[in-house]
PDB file of N, CA and C in Angstrom:
ATOM      1  N   MET A   1     140.972 121.433  73.837  1.00  0.00           N
ATOM      2  CA  MET A   1     141.966 121.464  72.784  1.00  0.00           C
ATOM      3  C   MET A   1     142.809 120.186  72.778  1.00  0.00           C
ATOM      4  N   LYS A   2     143.246 119.736  73.961  1.00  0.00           N
ATOM      5  CA  LYS A   2     144.047 118.520  74.042  1.00  0.00           C
ATOM      6  C   LYS A   2     143.242 117.300  73.604  1.00  0.00           C
ATOM      7  N   HIS A   3     141.969 117.301  73.922  1.00  0.00           N
ATOM      8  CA  HIS A   3     141.109 116.176  73.544  1.00  0.00           C
ATOM      9  C   HIS A   3     141.051 116.028  72.023  1.00  0.00           C
ATOM     10  N   GLU A   4     140.849 117.121  71.331  1.00  0.00           N
ATOM     11  CA  GLU A   4     140.772 117.080  69.871  1.00  0.00           C
ATOM     12  C   GLU A   4     142.123 116.693  69.259  1.00  0.00           C
ATOM     13  N   PHE A   5     143.208 117.187  69.832  1.00  0.00           N
ATOM     14  CA  PHE A   5     144.538 116.842  69.330  1.00  0.00           C
ATOM     15  C   PHE A   5     144.825 115.357  69.546  1.00  0.00           C
ATOM     16  N   GLY A   6     144.404 114.826  70.690  1.00  0.00           N
ATOM     17  CA  GLY A   6     144.567 113.400  70.961  1.00  0.00           C
ATOM     18  C   GLY A   6     143.787 112.549  69.978  1.00  0.00           C
ATOM     19  N   LYS A   7     142.557 112.942  69.691  1.00  0.00           N
ATOM     20  CA  LYS A   7     141.760 112.213  68.709  1.00  0.00           C
ATOM     21  C   LYS A   7     142.391 112.290  67.329  1.00  0.00           C
ATOM     22  N   TRP A   8     142.939 113.445  66.983  1.00  0.00           N
ATOM     23  CA  TRP A   8     143.579 113.622  65.686  1.00  0.00           C
ATOM     24  C   TRP A   8     144.812 112.720  65.567  1.00  0.00           C
ATOM     25  N   LEU A   9     145.608 112.629  66.623  1.00  0.00           N
ATOM     26  CA  LEU A   9     146.792 111.770  66.594  1.00  0.00           C
ATOM     27  C   LEU A   9     146.403 110.303  66.443  1.00  0.00           C
ATOM     28  N   MET A  10     145.324 109.892  67.067  1.00  0.00           N
ATOM     29  CA  MET A  10     144.862 108.520  66.918  1.00  0.00           C
ATOM     30  C   MET A  10     144.382 108.260  65.487  1.00  0.00           C
ATOM     31  N   ASP A  11     143.766 109.252  64.869  1.00  0.00           N
ATOM     32  CA  ASP A  11     143.364 109.122  63.463  1.00  0.00           C
ATOM     33  C   ASP A  11     144.581 108.994  62.555  1.00  0.00           C
ATOM     34  N   VAL A  12     145.626 109.747  62.841  1.00  0.00           N
ATOM     35  CA  VAL A  12     146.853 109.661  62.051  1.00  0.00           C
ATOM     36  C   VAL A  12     147.438 108.249  62.138  1.00  0.00           C
ATOM     37  N   ALA A  13     147.412 107.659  63.325  1.00  0.00           N
ATOM     38  CA  ALA A  13     147.918 106.291  63.490  1.00  0.00           C
ATOM     39  C   ALA A  13     147.098 105.314  62.648  1.00  0.00           C
ATOM     40  N   LYS A  14     145.779 105.492  62.624  1.00  0.00           N
ATOM     41  CA  LYS A  14     144.931 104.618  61.803  1.00  0.00           C
ATOM     42  C   LYS A  14     145.244 104.793  60.319  1.00  0.00           C
ATOM     43  N   TYR A  15     145.456 106.013  59.884  1.00  0.00           N
ATOM     44  CA  TYR A  15     145.764 106.268  58.481  1.00  0.00           C
ATOM     45  C   TYR A  15     147.114 105.668  58.090  1.00  0.00           C
ATOM     46  N   LEU A  16     148.073 105.714  58.999  1.00  0.00           N
ATOM     47  CA  LEU A  16     149.377 105.108  58.718  1.00  0.00           C
ATOM     48  C   LEU A  16     149.256 103.596  58.536  1.00  0.00           C
ATOM     49  N   VAL A  17     148.466 102.963  59.393  1.00  0.00           N
ATOM     50  CA  VAL A  17     148.253 101.515  59.260  1.00  0.00           C
ATOM     51  C   VAL A  17     147.621 101.200  57.917  1.00  0.00           C
ATOM     52  N   THR A  18     146.594 101.955  57.558  1.00  0.00           N
ATOM     53  CA  THR A  18     145.913 101.733  56.287  1.00  0.00           C
ATOM     54  C   THR A  18     146.856 101.950  55.111  1.00  0.00           C
ATOM     55  N   ALA A  19     147.646 102.989  55.159  1.00  0.00           N
ATOM     56  CA  ALA A  19     148.565 103.291  54.059  1.00  0.00           C
ATOM     57  C   ALA A  19     149.604 102.188  53.884  1.00  0.00           C
ATOM     58  N   VAL A  20     150.133 101.678  54.977  1.00  0.00           N
ATOM     59  CA  VAL A  20     151.148 100.628  54.882  1.00  0.00           C
ATOM     60  C   VAL A  20     150.536  99.339  54.350  1.00  0.00           C
ATOM     61  N   LEU A  21     149.354  99.006  54.825  1.00  0.00           N
ATOM     62  CA  LEU A  21     148.705  97.796  54.318  1.00  0.00           C
ATOM     63  C   LEU A  21     148.422  97.891  52.826  1.00  0.00           C
ATOM     64  N   LEU A  22     147.893  99.020  52.389  1.00  0.00           N
ATOM     65  CA  LEU A  22     147.605  99.188  50.963  1.00  0.00           C
ATOM     66  C   LEU A  22     148.882  99.227  50.133  1.00  0.00           C
ATOM     67  N   ALA A  23     149.890  99.896  50.623  1.00  0.00           N
ATOM     68  CA  ALA A  23     151.145  99.988  49.877  1.00  0.00           C
ATOM     69  C   ALA A  23     151.817  98.621  49.758  1.00  0.00           C
ATOM     70  N   SER A  24     151.736  97.815  50.789  1.00  0.00           N
ATOM     71  CA  SER A  24     152.371  96.505  50.726  1.00  0.00           C
ATOM     72  C   SER A  24     151.625  95.568  49.780  1.00  0.00           C
ATOM     73  N   VAL A  25     150.337  95.786  49.605  1.00  0.00           N
ATOM     74  CA  VAL A  25     149.560  94.944  48.698  1.00  0.00           C
ATOM     75  C   VAL A  25     149.756  95.368  47.248  1.00  0.00           C
ATOM     76  N   PHE A  26     149.749  96.666  46.978  1.00  0.00           N
ATOM     77  CA  PHE A  26     149.723  97.154  45.605  1.00  0.00           C
ATOM     78  C   PHE A  26     151.077  97.540  45.014  1.00  0.00           C
ATOM     79  N   SER A  27     152.110  97.588  45.797  1.00  0.00           N
ATOM     80  CA  SER A  27     153.393  98.013  45.226  1.00  0.00           C
ATOM     81  C   SER A  27     154.484  96.989  45.519  1.00  0.00           C
ATOM     82  N   ASP A  28     155.562  97.136  44.797  1.00  0.00           N
ATOM     83  CA  ASP A  28     156.695  96.240  44.959  1.00  0.00           C
ATOM     84  C   ASP A  28     157.824  97.010  45.649  1.00  0.00           C
ATOM     85  N   ILE A  29     157.797  96.995  46.960  1.00  0.00           N
ATOM     86  CA  ILE A  29     158.801  97.701  47.751  1.00  0.00           C
ATOM     87  C   ILE A  29     159.991  96.760  47.961  1.00  0.00           C
ATOM     88  N   GLN A  30     161.178  97.241  47.659  1.00  0.00           N
ATOM     89  CA  GLN A  30     162.374  96.404  47.752  1.00  0.00           C
ATOM     90  C   GLN A  30     162.772  96.125  49.203  1.00  0.00           C
ATOM     91  N   GLU A  31     162.802  97.154  50.004  1.00  0.00           N
ATOM     92  CA  GLU A  31     163.224  97.024  51.406  1.00  0.00           C
ATOM     93  C   GLU A  31     162.012  97.171  52.323  1.00  0.00           C
ATOM     94  N   ARG A  32     161.161  96.177  52.345  1.00  0.00           N
ATOM     95  CA  ARG A  32     159.919  96.251  53.125  1.00  0.00           C
ATOM     96  C   ARG A  32     160.180  96.372  54.626  1.00  0.00           C
ATOM     97  N   TRP A  33     161.170  95.685  55.129  1.00  0.00           N
ATOM     98  CA  TRP A  33     161.389  95.679  56.568  1.00  0.00           C
ATOM     99  C   TRP A  33     161.732  97.062  57.096  1.00  0.00           C
ATOM    100  N   ILE A  34     162.436  97.874  56.314  1.00  0.00           N
ATOM    101  CA  ILE A  34     162.759  99.242  56.736  1.00  0.00           C
ATOM    102  C   ILE A  34     161.476 100.069  56.837  1.00  0.00           C
ATOM    103  N   VAL A  35     160.620  99.949  55.837  1.00  0.00           N
ATOM    104  CA  VAL A  35     159.350 100.682  55.840  1.00  0.00           C
ATOM    105  C   VAL A  35     158.504 100.243  57.033  1.00  0.00           C
ATOM    106  N   TYR A  36     158.431  98.945  57.271  1.00  0.00           N
ATOM    107  CA  TYR A  36     157.618  98.441  58.385  1.00  0.00           C
ATOM    108  C   TYR A  36     158.137  98.930  59.733  1.00  0.00           C
ATOM    109  N   ILE A  37     159.435  98.959  59.902  1.00  0.00           N
ATOM    110  CA  ILE A  37     160.007  99.420  61.179  1.00  0.00           C
ATOM    111  C   ILE A  37     159.732 100.907  61.391  1.00  0.00           C
ATOM    112  N   ILE A  38     159.965 101.714  60.366  1.00  0.00           N
ATOM    113  CA  ILE A  38     159.772 103.159  60.499  1.00  0.00           C
ATOM    114  C   ILE A  38     158.303 103.495  60.743  1.00  0.00           C
ATOM    115  N   VAL A  39     157.426 102.859  59.976  1.00  0.00           N
ATOM    116  CA  VAL A  39     155.998 103.147  60.139  1.00  0.00           C
ATOM    117  C   VAL A  39     155.485 102.603  61.468  1.00  0.00           C
ATOM    118  N   SER A  40     155.983 101.468  61.911  1.00  0.00           N
ATOM    119  CA  SER A  40     155.573 100.931  63.209  1.00  0.00           C
ATOM    120  C   SER A  40     155.952 101.887  64.338  1.00  0.00           C
ATOM    121  N   CYS A  41     157.145 102.456  64.260  1.00  0.00           N
ATOM    122  CA  CYS A  41     157.568 103.440  65.262  1.00  0.00           C
ATOM    123  C   CYS A  41     156.669 104.677  65.222  1.00  0.00           C
ATOM    124  N   ALA A  42     156.337 105.135  64.025  1.00  0.00           N
ATOM    125  CA  ALA A  42     155.466 106.306  63.890  1.00  0.00           C
ATOM    126  C   ALA A  42     154.071 106.011  64.431  1.00  0.00           C
ATOM    127  N   ILE A  43     153.565 104.799  64.186  1.00  0.00           N
ATOM    128  CA  ILE A  43     152.243 104.424  64.693  1.00  0.00           C
ATOM    129  C   ILE A  43     152.244 104.375  66.208  1.00  0.00           C
ATOM    130  N   ILE A  44     153.254 103.757  66.779  1.00  0.00           N
ATOM    131  CA  ILE A  44     153.339 103.665  68.241  1.00  0.00           C
ATOM    132  C   ILE A  44     153.441 105.055  68.860  1.00  0.00           C
ATOM    133  N   LEU A  45     154.232 105.916  68.248  1.00  0.00           N
ATOM    134  CA  LEU A  45     154.405 107.274  68.763  1.00  0.00           C
ATOM    135  C   LEU A  45     153.100 108.070  68.709  1.00  0.00           C
ATOM    136  N   THR A  46     152.438 108.071  67.551  1.00  0.00           N
ATOM    137  CA  THR A  46     151.215 108.869  67.420  1.00  0.00           C
ATOM    138  C   THR A  46     150.078 108.297  68.255  1.00  0.00           C
ATOM    139  N   LEU A  47     149.953 106.978  68.289  1.00  0.00           N
ATOM    140  CA  LEU A  47     148.897 106.373  69.100  1.00  0.00           C
ATOM    141  C   LEU A  47     149.157 106.611  70.583  1.00  0.00           C
ATOM    142  N   GLY A  48     150.401 106.459  71.007  1.00  0.00           N
ATOM    143  CA  GLY A  48     150.738 106.696  72.410  1.00  0.00           C
ATOM    144  C   GLY A  48     150.491 108.135  72.839  1.00  0.00           C
ATOM    145  N   LEU A  49     150.895 109.078  72.008  1.00  0.00           N
ATOM    146  CA  LEU A  49     150.660 110.488  72.336  1.00  0.00           C
ATOM    147  C   LEU A  49     149.164 110.805  72.346  1.00  0.00           C
ATOM    148  N   GLY A  50     148.432 110.253  71.389  1.00  0.00           N
ATOM    149  CA  GLY A  50     146.987 110.485  71.350  1.00  0.00           C
ATOM    150  C   GLY A  50     146.301 109.962  72.598  1.00  0.00           C
ATOM    151  N   LEU A  51     146.660 108.759  73.009  1.00  0.00           N
ATOM    152  CA  LEU A  51     146.072 108.198  74.229  1.00  0.00           C
ATOM    153  C   LEU A  51     146.502 108.971  75.467  1.00  0.00           C
ATOM    154  N   TRP A  52     147.725 109.468  75.463  1.00  0.00           N
ATOM    155  CA  TRP A  52     148.216 110.243  76.601  1.00  0.00           C
ATOM    156  C   TRP A  52     147.437 111.552  76.744  1.00  0.00           C
ATOM    157  N   PHE A  53     147.175 112.229  75.629  1.00  0.00           N
ATOM    158  CA  PHE A  53     146.391 113.460  75.688  1.00  0.00           C
ATOM    159  C   PHE A  53     144.961 113.184  76.140  1.00  0.00           C
ATOM    160  N   LEU A  54     144.382 112.087  75.713  1.00  0.00           N
ATOM    161  CA  LEU A  54     143.021 111.748  76.135  1.00  0.00           C
ATOM    162  C   LEU A  54     142.988 111.341  77.600  1.00  0.00           C
ATOM    163  N   ARG A  55     144.038 110.703  78.082  1.00  0.00           N
ATOM    164  CA  ARG A  55     144.110 110.282  79.480  1.00  0.00           C
ATOM    165  C   ARG A  55     144.147 111.480  80.421  1.00  0.00           C
ATOM    166  N   ASP A  56     144.894 112.503  80.064  1.00  0.00           N
ATOM    167  CA  ASP A  56     144.980 113.704  80.895  1.00  0.00           C
ATOM    168  C   ASP A  56     143.612 114.350  81.104  1.00  0.00           C
ATOM    169  N   ILE A  57     142.814 114.368  80.084  1.00  0.00           N
ATOM    170  CA  ILE A  57     141.492 114.991  80.174  1.00  0.00           C
ATOM    171  C   ILE A  57     140.581 114.177  81.072  1.00  0.00           C
ATOM    172  N   LYS A  58     140.623 112.854  80.954  1.00  0.00           N
ATOM    173  CA  LYS A  58     139.750 112.007  81.766  1.00  0.00           C
ATOM    174  C   LYS A  58     140.133 112.079  83.240  1.00  0.00           C
ATOM    175  N   GLU A  59     141.425 112.205  83.552  1.00  0.00           N
ATOM    176  CA  GLU A  59     141.842 112.335  84.942  1.00  0.00           C
ATOM    177  C   GLU A  59     141.359 113.645  85.541  1.00  0.00           C
ATOM    178  N   LYS A  60     141.350 114.728  84.764  1.00  0.00           N
ATOM    179  CA  LYS A  60     140.880 116.014  85.272  1.00  0.00           C
ATOM    180  C   LYS A  60     139.371 115.985  85.506  1.00  0.00           C
ATOM    181  N   GLU A  61     138.625 115.240  84.709  1.00  0.00           N
ATOM    182  CA  GLU A  61     137.184 115.155  84.881  1.00  0.00           C
ATOM    183  C   GLU A  61     136.822 114.412  86.148  1.00  0.00           C
ATOM    184  N   VAL A  62     137.645 113.423  86.542  1.00  0.00           N
ATOM    185  CA  VAL A  62     137.368 112.609  87.726  1.00  0.00           C
ATOM    186  C   VAL A  62     137.606 113.429  88.997  1.00  0.00           C
ATOM    187  N   LYS A  63     138.603 114.279  88.998  1.00  0.00           N
ATOM    188  CA  LYS A  63     138.954 115.048  90.207  1.00  0.00           C
ATOM    189  C   LYS A  63     137.947 116.069  90.545  1.00  0.00           C
TER     190      LYS A  63
END
C-alpha cells in the first residue's frame, strides 16, 4: 500500500511541474513568482513524501 501511495505522490509532483510549465507558457499570470514559490513547495513536499514511502519499503526488503 505504501509503495503505491509513494508512486502516486511522485506522479502528482510530475503533474504539478507539467501544469506550471504549460501555464507559464500559455497564460499571462501577473504574480508569477508567487505561483512558482507555492508550486515549488508543493513539488518538493510531494516528491519528498513519495520517495520517503518508497525508501521504507526498500529498507524492509533488505532486512
